[in-house]
All heavy atoms as atom14 arrays in JSON, in Angstrom:
{
  "sequence": "FVVSTDTLSNFNQIKGRDMEAFFNEGNISNINVHGNGESIYFPLQGDS",
  "atom14_mask": [
    [1, 1, 1, 1, 1, 1, 1, 1, 1, 1, 1, 0, 0, 0],
    [1, 1, 1, 1, 1, 1, 1, 0, 0, 0, 0, 0, 0, 0],
    [1, 1, 1, 1, 1, 1, 1, 0, 0, 0, 0, 0, 0, 0],
    [1, 1, 1, 1, 1, 1, 0, 0, 0, 0, 0, 0, 0, 0],
    [1, 1, 1, 1, 1, 1, 1, 0, 0, 0, 0, 0, 0, 0],
    [1, 1, 1, 1, 1, 1, 1, 1, 0, 0, 0, 0, 0, 0],
    [1, 1, 1, 1, 1, 1, 1, 0, 0, 0, 0, 0, 0, 0],
    [1, 1, 1, 1, 1, 1, 1, 1, 0, 0, 0, 0, 0, 0],
    [1, 1, 1, 1, 1, 1, 0, 0, 0, 0, 0, 0, 0, 0],
    [1, 1, 1, 1, 1, 1, 1, 1, 0, 0, 0, 0, 0, 0],
    [1, 1, 1, 1, 1, 1, 1, 1, 1, 1, 1, 0, 0, 0],
    [1, 1, 1, 1, 1, 1, 1, 1, 0, 0, 0, 0, 0, 0],
    [1, 1, 1, 1, 1, 1, 1, 1, 1, 0, 0, 0, 0, 0],
    [1, 1, 1, 1, 1, 1, 1, 1, 0, 0, 0, 0, 0, 0],
    [1, 1, 1, 1, 1, 1, 1, 1, 1, 0, 0, 0, 0, 0],
    [1, 1, 1, 1, 0, 0, 0, 0, 0, 0, 0, 0, 0, 0],
    [1, 1, 1, 1, 1, 1, 1, 1, 1, 1, 1, 0, 0, 0],
    [1, 1, 1, 1, 1, 1, 1, 1, 0, 0, 0, 0, 0, 0],
    [1, 1, 1, 1, 1, 1, 1, 1, 0, 0, 0, 0, 0, 0],
    [1, 1, 1, 1, 1, 1, 1, 1, 1, 0, 0, 0, 0, 0],
    [1, 1, 1, 1, 1, 0, 0, 0, 0, 0, 0, 0, 0, 0],
    [1, 1, 1, 1, 1, 1, 1, 1, 1, 1, 1, 0, 0, 0],
    [1, 1, 1, 1, 1, 1, 1, 1, 1, 1, 1, 0, 0, 0],
    [1, 1, 1, 1, 1, 1, 1, 1, 0, 0, 0, 0, 0, 0],
    [1, 1, 1, 1, 1, 1, 1, 1, 1, 0, 0, 0, 0, 0],
    [1, 1, 1, 1, 0, 0, 0, 0, 0, 0, 0, 0, 0, 0],
    [1, 1, 1, 1, 1, 1, 1, 1, 0, 0, 0, 0, 0, 0],
    [1, 1, 1, 1, 1, 1, 1, 1, 0, 0, 0, 0, 0, 0],
    [1, 1, 1, 1, 1, 1, 0, 0, 0, 0, 0, 0, 0, 0],
    [1, 1, 1, 1, 1, 1, 1, 1, 0, 0, 0, 0, 0, 0],
    [1, 1, 1, 1, 1, 1, 1, 1, 0, 0, 0, 0, 0, 0],
    [1, 1, 1, 1, 1, 1, 1, 1, 0, 0, 0, 0, 0, 0],
    [1, 1, 1, 1, 1, 1, 1, 0, 0, 0, 0, 0, 0, 0],
    [1, 1, 1, 1, 1, 1, 1, 1, 1, 1, 0, 0, 0, 0],
    [1, 1, 1, 1, 0, 0, 0, 0, 0, 0, 0, 0, 0, 0],
    [1, 1, 1, 1, 1, 1, 1, 1, 0, 0, 0, 0, 0, 0],
    [1, 1, 1, 1, 0, 0, 0, 0, 0, 0, 0, 0, 0, 0],
    [1, 1, 1, 1, 1, 1, 1, 1, 1, 0, 0, 0, 0, 0],
    [1, 1, 1, 1, 1, 1, 0, 0, 0, 0, 0, 0, 0, 0],
    [1, 1, 1, 1, 1, 1, 1, 1, 0, 0, 0, 0, 0, 0],
    [1, 1, 1, 1, 1, 1, 1, 1, 1, 1, 1, 1, 0, 0],
    [1, 1, 1, 1, 1, 1, 1, 1, 1, 1, 1, 0, 0, 0],
    [1, 1, 1, 1, 1, 1, 1, 0, 0, 0, 0, 0, 0, 0],
    [1, 1, 1, 1, 1, 1, 1, 1, 0, 0, 0, 0, 0, 0],
    [1, 1, 1, 1, 1, 1, 1, 1, 1, 0, 0, 0, 0, 0],
    [1, 1, 1, 1, 0, 0, 0, 0, 0, 0, 0, 0, 0, 0],
    [1, 1, 1, 1, 1, 1, 1, 1, 0, 0, 0, 0, 0, 0],
    [1, 1, 1, 1, 1, 1, 0, 0, 0, 0, 0, 0, 0, 0]
  ],
  "atom14_positions": [
    [[46.53, 27.33, -0.05], [45.48, 26.83, -0.94], [44.79, 28.02, -1.51], [44.34, 28.82, -0.77], [44.58, 25.96, -0.11], [43.79, 24.91, -0.93], [43.8, 23.61, -0.53], [43.0, 25.31, -2.05], [43.17, 22.58, -1.28], [42.36, 24.39, -2.76], [42.39, 23.03, -2.39], [0.0, 0.0, 0.0], [0.0, 0.0, 0.0], [0.0, 0.0, 0.0]],
    [[44.67, 28.05, -2.91], [43.97, 29.21, -3.47], [42.81, 28.57, -4.35], [42.99, 27.55, -5.1], [44.92, 30.01, -4.48], [44.16, 31.04, -5.13], [46.07, 30.63, -3.55], [0.0, 0.0, 0.0], [0.0, 0.0, 0.0], [0.0, 0.0, 0.0], [0.0, 0.0, 0.0], [0.0, 0.0, 0.0], [0.0, 0.0, 0.0], [0.0, 0.0, 0.0]],
    [[41.68, 29.22, -4.23], [40.52, 28.76, -4.86], [39.88, 29.92, -5.6], [39.8, 31.04, -4.89], [39.44, 28.14, -4.04], [38.3, 27.62, -4.84], [40.03, 26.93, -3.27], [0.0, 0.0, 0.0], [0.0, 0.0, 0.0], [0.0, 0.0, 0.0], [0.0, 0.0, 0.0], [0.0, 0.0, 0.0], [0.0, 0.0, 0.0], [0.0, 0.0, 0.0]],
    [[39.48, 29.76, -6.94], [38.71, 30.76, -7.64], [37.71, 30.14, -8.42], [37.79, 29.01, -8.79], [39.67, 31.7, -8.45], [40.3, 30.94, -9.48], [0.0, 0.0, 0.0], [0.0, 0.0, 0.0], [0.0, 0.0, 0.0], [0.0, 0.0, 0.0], [0.0, 0.0, 0.0], [0.0, 0.0, 0.0], [0.0, 0.0, 0.0], [0.0, 0.0, 0.0]],
    [[36.65, 30.92, -8.78], [35.46, 30.33, -9.56], [35.55, 31.02, -10.96], [35.94, 32.15, -11.19], [34.18, 30.55, -8.98], [33.99, 31.93, -8.74], [34.07, 29.84, -7.66], [0.0, 0.0, 0.0], [0.0, 0.0, 0.0], [0.0, 0.0, 0.0], [0.0, 0.0, 0.0], [0.0, 0.0, 0.0], [0.0, 0.0, 0.0], [0.0, 0.0, 0.0]],
    [[35.11, 30.21, -11.87], [34.92, 30.83, -13.29], [33.48, 31.07, -13.55], [32.57, 30.97, -12.69], [35.57, 29.96, -14.34], [34.89, 28.46, -14.35], [33.68, 28.33, -13.89], [35.49, 27.48, -14.77], [0.0, 0.0, 0.0], [0.0, 0.0, 0.0], [0.0, 0.0, 0.0], [0.0, 0.0, 0.0], [0.0, 0.0, 0.0], [0.0, 0.0, 0.0]],
    [[33.13, 31.45, -14.83], [31.77, 31.81, -15.18], [30.76, 30.68, -15.1], [29.57, 30.89, -14.99], [31.86, 32.36, -16.57], [32.32, 31.54, -17.47], [32.55, 33.77, -16.6], [0.0, 0.0, 0.0], [0.0, 0.0, 0.0], [0.0, 0.0, 0.0], [0.0, 0.0, 0.0], [0.0, 0.0, 0.0], [0.0, 0.0, 0.0], [0.0, 0.0, 0.0]],
    [[31.28, 29.57, -15.02], [30.37, 28.26, -14.96], [30.45, 27.68, -13.42], [30.04, 26.58, -13.2], [30.93, 27.18, -15.85], [30.81, 27.56, -17.43], [31.2, 26.45, -18.2], [29.37, 28.0, -17.75], [0.0, 0.0, 0.0], [0.0, 0.0, 0.0], [0.0, 0.0, 0.0], [0.0, 0.0, 0.0], [0.0, 0.0, 0.0], [0.0, 0.0, 0.0]],
    [[30.99, 28.47, -12.57], [31.0, 28.1, -11.14], [31.92, 26.85, -10.86], [31.78, 26.14, -9.88], [29.68, 27.74, -10.6], [28.82, 29.01, -10.68], [0.0, 0.0, 0.0], [0.0, 0.0, 0.0], [0.0, 0.0, 0.0], [0.0, 0.0, 0.0], [0.0, 0.0, 0.0], [0.0, 0.0, 0.0], [0.0, 0.0, 0.0], [0.0, 0.0, 0.0]],
    [[32.92, 26.6, -11.79], [33.94, 25.67, -11.53], [34.92, 26.19, -10.51], [35.13, 27.39, -10.56], [34.62, 25.19, -12.88], [33.66, 24.55, -13.8], [32.97, 23.66, -13.47], [33.65, 25.13, -15.08], [0.0, 0.0, 0.0], [0.0, 0.0, 0.0], [0.0, 0.0, 0.0], [0.0, 0.0, 0.0], [0.0, 0.0, 0.0], [0.0, 0.0, 0.0]],
    [[35.52, 25.39, -9.82], [36.53, 25.84, -8.81], [37.93, 25.51, -9.3], [38.4, 24.3, -9.36], [36.35, 25.09, -7.43], [35.04, 25.41, -6.74], [33.96, 24.5, -6.71], [34.87, 26.72, -6.25], [32.83, 24.85, -6.06], [33.64, 27.11, -5.61], [32.65, 26.05, -5.56], [0.0, 0.0, 0.0], [0.0, 0.0, 0.0], [0.0, 0.0, 0.0]],
    [[38.56, 26.59, -9.85], [40.02, 26.37, -10.23], [40.89, 26.42, -8.79], [40.65, 27.25, -7.92], [40.45, 27.49, -11.06], [39.77, 27.47, -12.45], [39.7, 26.4, -12.96], [39.29, 28.56, -12.81], [0.0, 0.0, 0.0], [0.0, 0.0, 0.0], [0.0, 0.0, 0.0], [0.0, 0.0, 0.0], [0.0, 0.0, 0.0], [0.0, 0.0, 0.0]],
    [[41.75, 25.47, -8.66], [42.41, 25.22, -7.31], [43.94, 25.16, -7.54], [44.36, 24.5, -8.5], [41.86, 24.04, -6.6], [40.35, 24.11, -6.39], [39.77, 22.65, -6.26], [40.33, 21.87, -5.42], [38.88, 22.32, -7.15], [0.0, 0.0, 0.0], [0.0, 0.0, 0.0], [0.0, 0.0, 0.0], [0.0, 0.0, 0.0], [0.0, 0.0, 0.0]],
    [[44.59, 25.78, -6.61], [46.12, 25.62, -6.54], [46.46, 25.55, -5.06], [46.04, 26.22, -4.11], [46.73, 26.87, -7.1], [46.37, 27.08, -8.6], [48.32, 26.84, -6.96], [46.81, 28.43, -9.14], [0.0, 0.0, 0.0], [0.0, 0.0, 0.0], [0.0, 0.0, 0.0], [0.0, 0.0, 0.0], [0.0, 0.0, 0.0], [0.0, 0.0, 0.0]],
    [[47.3, 24.47, -4.85], [47.81, 24.32, -3.44], [49.29, 23.96, -3.45], [49.82, 23.57, -4.52], [47.06, 23.19, -2.75], [47.18, 21.81, -3.4], [46.37, 20.71, -2.53], [47.06, 20.45, -1.22], [46.23, 19.32, -0.43], [0.0, 0.0, 0.0], [0.0, 0.0, 0.0], [0.0, 0.0, 0.0], [0.0, 0.0, 0.0], [0.0, 0.0, 0.0]],
    [[49.93, 24.22, -2.35], [51.3, 23.92, -2.25], [51.85, 24.19, -0.78], [50.98, 24.51, 0.13], [0.0, 0.0, 0.0], [0.0, 0.0, 0.0], [0.0, 0.0, 0.0], [0.0, 0.0, 0.0], [0.0, 0.0, 0.0], [0.0, 0.0, 0.0], [0.0, 0.0, 0.0], [0.0, 0.0, 0.0], [0.0, 0.0, 0.0], [0.0, 0.0, 0.0]],
    [[53.18, 24.0, -0.7], [53.65, 24.27, 0.73], [53.59, 25.73, 0.99], [52.9, 26.19, 2.0], [55.11, 23.77, 0.79], [55.58, 23.86, 2.26], [57.09, 23.37, 2.33], [57.98, 24.21, 1.56], [58.63, 23.67, 0.36], [58.5, 22.5, -0.01], [59.48, 24.41, -0.3], [0.0, 0.0, 0.0], [0.0, 0.0, 0.0], [0.0, 0.0, 0.0]],
    [[54.25, 26.61, 0.26], [54.28, 28.1, 0.42], [53.86, 28.79, -0.84], [54.02, 28.21, -1.91], [55.74, 28.6, 0.97], [56.16, 27.9, 2.11], [55.3, 27.67, 3.02], [57.38, 27.59, 2.22], [0.0, 0.0, 0.0], [0.0, 0.0, 0.0], [0.0, 0.0, 0.0], [0.0, 0.0, 0.0], [0.0, 0.0, 0.0], [0.0, 0.0, 0.0]],
    [[53.35, 29.99, -0.75], [52.92, 30.7, -1.82], [53.14, 32.2, -1.72], [53.05, 32.77, -0.61], [51.34, 30.47, -1.95], [50.65, 31.04, -3.2], [48.88, 30.68, -3.16], [48.9, 28.82, -3.0], [0.0, 0.0, 0.0], [0.0, 0.0, 0.0], [0.0, 0.0, 0.0], [0.0, 0.0, 0.0], [0.0, 0.0, 0.0], [0.0, 0.0, 0.0]],
    [[53.45, 32.9, -2.81], [53.67, 34.23, -2.9], [52.65, 34.83, -3.91], [52.51, 34.26, -5.05], [55.06, 34.75, -3.36], [56.08, 34.25, -2.41], [57.51, 34.55, -3.0], [57.68, 34.25, -4.11], [58.39, 35.16, -2.24], [0.0, 0.0, 0.0], [0.0, 0.0, 0.0], [0.0, 0.0, 0.0], [0.0, 0.0, 0.0], [0.0, 0.0, 0.0]],
    [[52.0, 35.78, -3.53], [51.02, 36.48, -4.5], [51.38, 37.97, -4.62], [51.68, 38.67, -3.59], [49.67, 36.46, -4.01], [0.0, 0.0, 0.0], [0.0, 0.0, 0.0], [0.0, 0.0, 0.0], [0.0, 0.0, 0.0], [0.0, 0.0, 0.0], [0.0, 0.0, 0.0], [0.0, 0.0, 0.0], [0.0, 0.0, 0.0], [0.0, 0.0, 0.0]],
    [[51.65, 38.41, -5.86], [52.02, 39.81, -6.06], [50.85, 40.68, -6.74], [50.05, 40.08, -7.54], [53.22, 39.88, -7.0], [54.38, 39.24, -6.46], [54.67, 37.87, -6.61], [55.37, 40.0, -5.7], [55.82, 37.28, -6.07], [56.46, 39.36, -5.2], [56.66, 38.01, -5.39], [0.0, 0.0, 0.0], [0.0, 0.0, 0.0], [0.0, 0.0, 0.0]],
    [[50.77, 41.92, -6.29], [49.68, 42.83, -6.82], [50.29, 44.0, -7.42], [51.34, 44.53, -7.08], [48.88, 43.17, -5.64], [48.09, 42.07, -5.03], [48.79, 41.18, -4.11], [46.77, 41.81, -5.19], [48.07, 40.06, -3.55], [46.14, 40.72, -4.69], [46.78, 39.94, -3.82], [0.0, 0.0, 0.0], [0.0, 0.0, 0.0], [0.0, 0.0, 0.0]],
    [[49.51, 44.48, -8.52], [49.91, 45.67, -9.16], [48.72, 46.72, -9.15], [47.72, 46.44, -9.69], [50.33, 45.37, -10.58], [50.8, 46.66, -11.35], [51.17, 47.73, -10.73], [50.77, 46.64, -12.66], [0.0, 0.0, 0.0], [0.0, 0.0, 0.0], [0.0, 0.0, 0.0], [0.0, 0.0, 0.0], [0.0, 0.0, 0.0], [0.0, 0.0, 0.0]],
    [[48.97, 47.78, -8.35], [47.95, 48.79, -8.22], [46.7, 48.11, -7.67], [45.56, 48.49, -8.13], [47.6, 49.52, -9.53], [48.75, 50.39, -9.99], [48.48, 51.15, -11.21], [47.29, 51.0, -11.76], [49.34, 51.93, -11.65], [0.0, 0.0, 0.0], [0.0, 0.0, 0.0], [0.0, 0.0, 0.0], [0.0, 0.0, 0.0], [0.0, 0.0, 0.0]],
    [[46.78, 47.33, -6.67], [45.65, 46.55, -6.09], [45.12, 45.36, -6.78], [44.33, 44.68, -6.24], [0.0, 0.0, 0.0], [0.0, 0.0, 0.0], [0.0, 0.0, 0.0], [0.0, 0.0, 0.0], [0.0, 0.0, 0.0], [0.0, 0.0, 0.0], [0.0, 0.0, 0.0], [0.0, 0.0, 0.0], [0.0, 0.0, 0.0], [0.0, 0.0, 0.0]],
    [[45.57, 45.1, -8.04], [45.1, 43.92, -8.81], [46.2, 42.79, -8.76], [47.38, 43.14, -8.98], [44.88, 44.28, -10.27], [43.76, 45.31, -10.43], [42.65, 45.2, -9.67], [43.93, 46.33, -11.25], [0.0, 0.0, 0.0], [0.0, 0.0, 0.0], [0.0, 0.0, 0.0], [0.0, 0.0, 0.0], [0.0, 0.0, 0.0], [0.0, 0.0, 0.0]],
    [[45.7, 41.59, -8.61], [46.62, 40.47, -8.59], [47.31, 40.23, -9.88], [46.66, 40.33, -10.98], [45.89, 39.2, -8.08], [46.89, 38.01, -7.78], [44.85, 38.74, -9.14], [46.26, 36.85, -7.09], [0.0, 0.0, 0.0], [0.0, 0.0, 0.0], [0.0, 0.0, 0.0], [0.0, 0.0, 0.0], [0.0, 0.0, 0.0], [0.0, 0.0, 0.0]],
    [[48.64, 40.21, -9.84], [49.44, 40.05, -11.14], [49.94, 38.57, -11.29], [49.99, 38.07, -12.49], [50.48, 41.07, -11.24], [51.32, 40.87, -10.1], [0.0, 0.0, 0.0], [0.0, 0.0, 0.0], [0.0, 0.0, 0.0], [0.0, 0.0, 0.0], [0.0, 0.0, 0.0], [0.0, 0.0, 0.0], [0.0, 0.0, 0.0], [0.0, 0.0, 0.0]],
    [[50.53, 37.98, -10.29], [50.96, 36.67, -10.36], [51.09, 35.93, -9.09], [51.2, 36.57, -7.99], [52.35, 36.61, -11.13], [53.39, 37.37, -10.36], [53.38, 38.54, -10.3], [54.33, 36.55, -9.78], [0.0, 0.0, 0.0], [0.0, 0.0, 0.0], [0.0, 0.0, 0.0], [0.0, 0.0, 0.0], [0.0, 0.0, 0.0], [0.0, 0.0, 0.0]],
    [[50.98, 34.55, -9.04], [51.14, 33.76, -7.82], [52.21, 32.82, -8.11], [52.25, 32.1, -9.09], [49.82, 33.1, -7.48], [48.75, 34.07, -7.07], [50.05, 32.15, -6.37], [47.38, 33.49, -6.89], [0.0, 0.0, 0.0], [0.0, 0.0, 0.0], [0.0, 0.0, 0.0], [0.0, 0.0, 0.0], [0.0, 0.0, 0.0], [0.0, 0.0, 0.0]],
    [[53.21, 32.62, -7.11], [54.27, 31.66, -7.21], [54.08, 30.64, -6.07], [53.86, 31.04, -4.8], [55.6, 32.24, -7.02], [55.85, 33.34, -8.13], [55.34, 33.24, -9.23], [56.73, 34.33, -7.79], [0.0, 0.0, 0.0], [0.0, 0.0, 0.0], [0.0, 0.0, 0.0], [0.0, 0.0, 0.0], [0.0, 0.0, 0.0], [0.0, 0.0, 0.0]],
    [[53.96, 29.39, -6.44], [53.79, 28.27, -5.35], [55.07, 27.53, -5.31], [55.74, 27.1, -6.36], [52.65, 27.29, -5.8], [52.51, 26.21, -4.85], [51.32, 28.09, -6.04], [0.0, 0.0, 0.0], [0.0, 0.0, 0.0], [0.0, 0.0, 0.0], [0.0, 0.0, 0.0], [0.0, 0.0, 0.0], [0.0, 0.0, 0.0], [0.0, 0.0, 0.0]],
    [[55.66, 27.33, -4.08], [56.86, 26.66, -3.82], [56.73, 25.42, -2.99], [56.28, 25.49, -1.88], [57.81, 27.63, -3.16], [58.13, 29.05, -3.86], [58.75, 29.08, -5.08], [57.72, 30.26, -3.63], [58.81, 30.22, -5.42], [58.14, 31.01, -4.6], [0.0, 0.0, 0.0], [0.0, 0.0, 0.0], [0.0, 0.0, 0.0], [0.0, 0.0, 0.0]],
    [[56.96, 24.3, -3.75], [56.86, 23.08, -3.01], [55.53, 22.32, -3.02], [54.55, 22.9, -2.66], [0.0, 0.0, 0.0], [0.0, 0.0, 0.0], [0.0, 0.0, 0.0], [0.0, 0.0, 0.0], [0.0, 0.0, 0.0], [0.0, 0.0, 0.0], [0.0, 0.0, 0.0], [0.0, 0.0, 0.0], [0.0, 0.0, 0.0], [0.0, 0.0, 0.0]],
    [[55.57, 21.02, -3.38], [54.31, 20.24, -3.32], [53.14, 20.83, -4.14], [52.01, 20.86, -3.6], [53.89, 19.9, -1.9], [55.03, 19.28, -1.06], [55.82, 18.4, -1.56], [55.12, 19.71, 0.21], [0.0, 0.0, 0.0], [0.0, 0.0, 0.0], [0.0, 0.0, 0.0], [0.0, 0.0, 0.0], [0.0, 0.0, 0.0], [0.0, 0.0, 0.0]],
    [[53.45, 21.32, -5.32], [52.43, 21.97, -6.0], [51.36, 21.05, -6.65], [51.73, 20.04, -7.07], [0.0, 0.0, 0.0], [0.0, 0.0, 0.0], [0.0, 0.0, 0.0], [0.0, 0.0, 0.0], [0.0, 0.0, 0.0], [0.0, 0.0, 0.0], [0.0, 0.0, 0.0], [0.0, 0.0, 0.0], [0.0, 0.0, 0.0], [0.0, 0.0, 0.0]],
    [[50.12, 21.43, -6.54], [49.07, 20.67, -7.18], [48.06, 21.78, -7.72], [47.85, 22.86, -7.18], [48.3, 19.82, -6.13], [49.13, 18.78, -5.52], [48.2, 17.91, -4.53], [47.14, 17.37, -5.03], [48.56, 17.76, -3.39], [0.0, 0.0, 0.0], [0.0, 0.0, 0.0], [0.0, 0.0, 0.0], [0.0, 0.0, 0.0], [0.0, 0.0, 0.0]],
    [[47.36, 21.44, -8.79], [46.4, 22.31, -9.35], [45.34, 21.56, -10.02], [45.54, 20.47, -10.59], [47.15, 23.28, -10.27], [47.29, 22.75, -11.53], [0.0, 0.0, 0.0], [0.0, 0.0, 0.0], [0.0, 0.0, 0.0], [0.0, 0.0, 0.0], [0.0, 0.0, 0.0], [0.0, 0.0, 0.0], [0.0, 0.0, 0.0], [0.0, 0.0, 0.0]],
    [[44.1, 22.17, -10.04], [43.0, 21.78, -10.92], [42.59, 22.97, -11.62], [42.23, 24.06, -10.96], [41.94, 21.15, -10.03], [42.31, 19.7, -9.52], [40.56, 21.12, -10.9], [41.21, 19.14, -8.76], [0.0, 0.0, 0.0], [0.0, 0.0, 0.0], [0.0, 0.0, 0.0], [0.0, 0.0, 0.0], [0.0, 0.0, 0.0], [0.0, 0.0, 0.0]],
    [[42.48, 22.91, -12.97], [42.11, 24.08, -13.75], [41.14, 23.66, -14.83], [41.35, 22.65, -15.53], [43.4, 24.74, -14.33], [43.1, 25.84, -15.27], [42.43, 26.93, -14.91], [43.63, 25.7, -16.67], [42.16, 28.05, -15.82], [43.29, 26.83, -17.57], [42.6, 27.9, -17.08], [42.34, 28.86, -17.96], [0.0, 0.0, 0.0], [0.0, 0.0, 0.0]],
    [[40.12, 24.46, -15.01], [39.12, 24.18, -16.08], [39.2, 25.25, -17.2], [38.68, 26.33, -17.12], [37.71, 24.3, -15.48], [37.34, 23.25, -14.37], [37.68, 23.46, -13.13], [36.79, 22.09, -14.78], [37.45, 22.5, -12.17], [36.44, 21.15, -13.79], [36.78, 21.33, -12.58], [0.0, 0.0, 0.0], [0.0, 0.0, 0.0], [0.0, 0.0, 0.0]],
    [[40.02, 24.86, -18.27], [40.05, 25.75, -19.43], [38.6, 25.8, -20.08], [37.93, 24.83, -20.21], [41.05, 25.15, -20.44], [41.22, 23.74, -19.86], [40.81, 23.59, -18.49], [0.0, 0.0, 0.0], [0.0, 0.0, 0.0], [0.0, 0.0, 0.0], [0.0, 0.0, 0.0], [0.0, 0.0, 0.0], [0.0, 0.0, 0.0], [0.0, 0.0, 0.0]],
    [[38.24, 26.99, -20.47], [36.9, 27.23, -21.03], [37.08, 27.73, -22.5], [38.05, 28.39, -22.81], [36.13, 28.29, -20.24], [35.82, 28.03, -18.82], [35.01, 29.18, -18.16], [35.08, 26.71, -18.59], [0.0, 0.0, 0.0], [0.0, 0.0, 0.0], [0.0, 0.0, 0.0], [0.0, 0.0, 0.0], [0.0, 0.0, 0.0], [0.0, 0.0, 0.0]],
    [[35.99, 27.41, -23.31], [35.84, 27.96, -24.61], [34.89, 29.03, -24.52], [33.67, 28.85, -24.26], [35.36, 26.95, -25.61], [35.27, 27.46, -27.06], [34.87, 26.31, -27.99], [34.89, 25.18, -27.68], [34.55, 26.78, -29.25], [0.0, 0.0, 0.0], [0.0, 0.0, 0.0], [0.0, 0.0, 0.0], [0.0, 0.0, 0.0], [0.0, 0.0, 0.0]],
    [[35.37, 30.29, -24.66], [34.42, 31.48, -24.28], [34.22, 31.49, -22.76], [35.07, 31.18, -22.01], [0.0, 0.0, 0.0], [0.0, 0.0, 0.0], [0.0, 0.0, 0.0], [0.0, 0.0, 0.0], [0.0, 0.0, 0.0], [0.0, 0.0, 0.0], [0.0, 0.0, 0.0], [0.0, 0.0, 0.0], [0.0, 0.0, 0.0], [0.0, 0.0, 0.0]],
    [[32.95, 31.7, -22.51], [32.59, 31.8, -21.01], [31.59, 30.69, -20.64], [31.12, 30.63, -19.58], [32.02, 33.15, -20.7], [33.01, 34.3, -20.77], [34.22, 33.92, -20.57], [32.63, 35.38, -21.09], [0.0, 0.0, 0.0], [0.0, 0.0, 0.0], [0.0, 0.0, 0.0], [0.0, 0.0, 0.0], [0.0, 0.0, 0.0], [0.0, 0.0, 0.0]],
    [[31.29, 29.78, -21.59], [30.18, 28.87, -21.43], [30.46, 27.42, -21.73], [29.52, 26.58, -21.43], [28.97, 29.36, -22.19], [29.26, 29.38, -23.57], [0.0, 0.0, 0.0], [0.0, 0.0, 0.0], [0.0, 0.0, 0.0], [0.0, 0.0, 0.0], [0.0, 0.0, 0.0], [0.0, 0.0, 0.0], [0.0, 0.0, 0.0], [0.0, 0.0, 0.0]]
  ]
}
């Protein structure tokens, strides 16, 4: 289960059976979720 917040304090969420997260020079580059994937995502116009 992965949770992150946006500028409006909304909770973007991703869950699944297994997950891989890859990093490039310490920064997260991509996440792969395998099996039973679910997500909640709040697209924003600008930051507000």
